N, C-alpha and C. Protein backbone atom coordinates (compact mmCIF):
# COMPACT_ATOMS: atom_id res chain seq x y z
N MET A 1 29.45 -22.80 -4.36
CA MET A 1 28.93 -23.97 -5.03
C MET A 1 28.72 -23.62 -6.49
N ALA A 2 29.14 -24.50 -7.37
CA ALA A 2 29.02 -24.25 -8.80
C ALA A 2 27.60 -24.54 -9.27
N ALA A 3 27.14 -23.73 -10.17
CA ALA A 3 25.81 -23.94 -10.72
C ALA A 3 25.89 -25.04 -11.78
N VAL A 4 24.88 -25.85 -11.78
CA VAL A 4 24.83 -26.94 -12.75
C VAL A 4 23.83 -26.57 -13.83
N THR A 5 24.28 -26.60 -15.05
CA THR A 5 23.35 -26.33 -16.14
C THR A 5 23.13 -27.62 -16.90
N LEU A 6 21.89 -27.89 -17.17
CA LEU A 6 21.54 -29.11 -17.89
C LEU A 6 21.42 -28.84 -19.37
N THR A 7 22.06 -29.67 -20.13
CA THR A 7 21.85 -29.60 -21.57
C THR A 7 20.64 -30.46 -21.89
N PRO A 8 20.03 -30.27 -23.01
CA PRO A 8 18.84 -31.04 -23.32
C PRO A 8 19.05 -32.56 -23.29
N ALA A 9 20.25 -33.05 -23.52
CA ALA A 9 20.48 -34.50 -23.56
C ALA A 9 20.56 -35.10 -22.16
N GLN A 10 20.91 -34.31 -21.16
CA GLN A 10 21.11 -34.86 -19.82
C GLN A 10 19.86 -35.47 -19.20
N PRO A 11 18.69 -34.86 -19.29
CA PRO A 11 17.52 -35.53 -18.70
C PRO A 11 17.25 -36.89 -19.34
N PHE A 12 17.48 -36.98 -20.63
CA PHE A 12 17.26 -38.25 -21.32
C PHE A 12 18.32 -39.28 -20.95
N ALA A 13 19.54 -38.80 -20.68
CA ALA A 13 20.60 -39.71 -20.25
C ALA A 13 20.21 -40.31 -18.91
N SER A 14 19.65 -39.49 -18.03
CA SER A 14 19.22 -39.99 -16.74
C SER A 14 18.10 -41.02 -16.91
N LEU A 15 17.19 -40.75 -17.82
CA LEU A 15 16.10 -41.67 -18.10
C LEU A 15 16.65 -42.99 -18.67
N ALA A 16 17.62 -42.88 -19.55
CA ALA A 16 18.23 -44.08 -20.13
C ALA A 16 18.95 -44.89 -19.07
N THR A 17 19.62 -44.21 -18.16
CA THR A 17 20.32 -44.90 -17.06
C THR A 17 19.31 -45.61 -16.17
N ARG A 18 18.23 -44.95 -15.84
CA ARG A 18 17.20 -45.58 -15.01
C ARG A 18 16.59 -46.77 -15.72
N GLY A 19 16.41 -46.65 -17.04
CA GLY A 19 15.87 -47.76 -17.82
C GLY A 19 16.81 -48.95 -17.81
N ARG A 20 18.12 -48.69 -17.97
CA ARG A 20 19.11 -49.78 -17.92
C ARG A 20 19.13 -50.41 -16.55
N ASN A 21 19.06 -49.59 -15.50
CA ASN A 21 19.04 -50.13 -14.13
C ASN A 21 17.81 -51.00 -13.91
N PHE A 22 16.67 -50.54 -14.39
CA PHE A 22 15.44 -51.32 -14.25
C PHE A 22 15.57 -52.66 -14.96
N LEU A 23 16.06 -52.63 -16.20
CA LEU A 23 16.20 -53.86 -16.97
C LEU A 23 17.21 -54.81 -16.33
N SER A 24 18.26 -54.25 -15.78
CA SER A 24 19.27 -55.09 -15.13
C SER A 24 18.70 -55.74 -13.86
N ARG A 25 17.94 -54.98 -13.05
CA ARG A 25 17.30 -55.56 -11.87
C ARG A 25 16.25 -56.60 -12.26
N PHE A 26 15.50 -56.32 -13.31
CA PHE A 26 14.48 -57.24 -13.78
C PHE A 26 15.13 -58.55 -14.24
N ALA A 27 16.22 -58.45 -14.99
CA ALA A 27 16.91 -59.65 -15.47
C ALA A 27 17.47 -60.45 -14.30
N ALA A 28 18.01 -59.77 -13.29
CA ALA A 28 18.55 -60.45 -12.11
C ALA A 28 17.44 -61.18 -11.36
N ARG A 29 16.28 -60.54 -11.23
CA ARG A 29 15.14 -61.18 -10.56
C ARG A 29 14.67 -62.41 -11.33
N GLN A 30 14.62 -62.29 -12.65
CA GLN A 30 14.19 -63.42 -13.47
C GLN A 30 15.17 -64.58 -13.36
N GLU A 31 16.46 -64.27 -13.34
CA GLU A 31 17.48 -65.31 -13.20
C GLU A 31 17.37 -65.98 -11.84
N SER A 32 17.17 -65.18 -10.80
CA SER A 32 17.01 -65.72 -9.45
C SER A 32 15.77 -66.62 -9.37
N ARG A 33 14.71 -66.18 -9.98
CA ARG A 33 13.46 -66.96 -9.98
C ARG A 33 13.65 -68.28 -10.74
N ALA A 34 14.37 -68.22 -11.85
CA ALA A 34 14.63 -69.44 -12.63
C ALA A 34 15.46 -70.43 -11.82
N ARG A 35 16.47 -69.93 -11.09
CA ARG A 35 17.29 -70.81 -10.24
C ARG A 35 16.43 -71.44 -9.14
N TYR A 36 15.57 -70.63 -8.52
CA TYR A 36 14.69 -71.11 -7.46
C TYR A 36 13.84 -72.28 -7.97
N TYR A 37 13.19 -72.09 -9.11
CA TYR A 37 12.32 -73.13 -9.63
C TYR A 37 13.09 -74.35 -10.13
N ALA A 38 14.31 -74.15 -10.61
CA ALA A 38 15.14 -75.29 -11.03
C ALA A 38 15.48 -76.16 -9.82
N VAL A 39 15.87 -75.51 -8.71
CA VAL A 39 16.18 -76.26 -7.49
C VAL A 39 14.93 -76.94 -6.96
N LEU A 40 13.82 -76.23 -6.96
CA LEU A 40 12.56 -76.78 -6.48
C LEU A 40 12.16 -78.01 -7.30
N ASN A 41 12.28 -77.93 -8.60
CA ASN A 41 11.94 -79.07 -9.46
C ASN A 41 12.88 -80.25 -9.21
N ASP A 42 14.17 -79.98 -9.00
CA ASP A 42 15.11 -81.06 -8.69
C ASP A 42 14.72 -81.75 -7.38
N LEU A 43 14.36 -80.96 -6.39
CA LEU A 43 13.98 -81.54 -5.10
C LEU A 43 12.69 -82.35 -5.21
N ARG A 44 11.76 -81.88 -5.99
CA ARG A 44 10.48 -82.59 -6.15
C ARG A 44 10.66 -83.95 -6.82
N ARG A 45 11.72 -84.13 -7.57
CA ARG A 45 11.97 -85.40 -8.25
C ARG A 45 12.49 -86.48 -7.30
N LEU A 46 12.98 -86.07 -6.13
CA LEU A 46 13.54 -87.04 -5.19
C LEU A 46 12.42 -87.80 -4.48
N ASN A 47 12.68 -89.07 -4.18
CA ASN A 47 11.67 -89.83 -3.45
C ASN A 47 11.90 -89.65 -1.94
N ASP A 48 10.97 -90.15 -1.15
CA ASP A 48 11.02 -89.94 0.29
C ASP A 48 12.27 -90.56 0.93
N ARG A 49 12.70 -91.67 0.40
CA ARG A 49 13.90 -92.32 0.95
C ARG A 49 15.14 -91.46 0.71
N GLU A 50 15.27 -90.91 -0.49
CA GLU A 50 16.41 -90.05 -0.80
C GLU A 50 16.40 -88.80 0.08
N LEU A 51 15.22 -88.24 0.28
CA LEU A 51 15.10 -87.06 1.15
C LEU A 51 15.48 -87.42 2.58
N ASP A 52 15.03 -88.57 3.06
CA ASP A 52 15.36 -89.02 4.41
C ASP A 52 16.86 -89.24 4.56
N ASP A 53 17.51 -89.79 3.53
CA ASP A 53 18.95 -89.99 3.56
C ASP A 53 19.70 -88.66 3.69
N MET A 54 19.14 -87.61 3.09
CA MET A 54 19.77 -86.28 3.17
C MET A 54 19.35 -85.51 4.41
N GLY A 55 18.37 -86.03 5.12
CA GLY A 55 17.92 -85.37 6.34
C GLY A 55 17.02 -84.17 6.11
N ILE A 56 16.31 -84.17 4.99
CA ILE A 56 15.38 -83.07 4.72
C ILE A 56 13.99 -83.64 4.45
N SER A 57 13.00 -82.79 4.57
CA SER A 57 11.63 -83.20 4.29
C SER A 57 11.06 -82.29 3.22
N ARG A 58 9.92 -82.67 2.72
CA ARG A 58 9.29 -81.86 1.65
C ARG A 58 8.93 -80.46 2.14
N GLY A 59 8.71 -80.32 3.43
CA GLY A 59 8.41 -79.01 4.00
C GLY A 59 9.61 -78.05 3.97
N ASP A 60 10.81 -78.59 3.75
CA ASP A 60 12.02 -77.77 3.70
C ASP A 60 12.30 -77.21 2.31
N PHE A 61 11.56 -77.65 1.32
CA PHE A 61 11.86 -77.29 -0.07
C PHE A 61 11.96 -75.79 -0.31
N ASP A 62 11.00 -75.03 0.19
CA ASP A 62 11.01 -73.58 -0.05
C ASP A 62 12.27 -72.94 0.54
N ALA A 63 12.61 -73.32 1.77
CA ALA A 63 13.79 -72.74 2.42
C ALA A 63 15.07 -73.14 1.68
N ILE A 64 15.13 -74.36 1.20
CA ILE A 64 16.32 -74.82 0.47
C ILE A 64 16.44 -74.07 -0.85
N ALA A 65 15.36 -74.00 -1.60
CA ALA A 65 15.39 -73.35 -2.91
C ALA A 65 15.68 -71.87 -2.81
N SER A 66 15.24 -71.24 -1.73
CA SER A 66 15.47 -69.79 -1.58
C SER A 66 16.78 -69.48 -0.86
N GLY A 67 17.49 -70.51 -0.41
CA GLY A 67 18.78 -70.29 0.23
C GLY A 67 18.69 -69.95 1.71
N ARG A 68 17.54 -70.16 2.33
CA ARG A 68 17.35 -69.82 3.75
C ARG A 68 17.41 -71.03 4.65
N PHE A 69 17.71 -72.22 4.12
CA PHE A 69 17.67 -73.45 4.90
C PHE A 69 18.85 -73.52 5.85
N THR A 70 18.56 -73.81 7.12
CA THR A 70 19.60 -74.07 8.13
C THR A 70 19.19 -75.30 8.91
N ARG A 71 20.18 -75.98 9.42
CA ARG A 71 19.90 -77.18 10.22
C ARG A 71 20.07 -76.87 11.67
């Protein structure tokens, strides 16, 4: 097995990579959250008759917005 020697820049490169990964996951979560609330707000604007026509109720909103809704 070959020995691995670290140069002084390598630990910081790892830290930078972890930082980029964290920021990328954070941005993805924020985007997902924004989509969730956009769908939720759209659903809240519908009246009871429109919801009945689509076969959903206000209790289904969370499942629909999070993508877990099944019939």
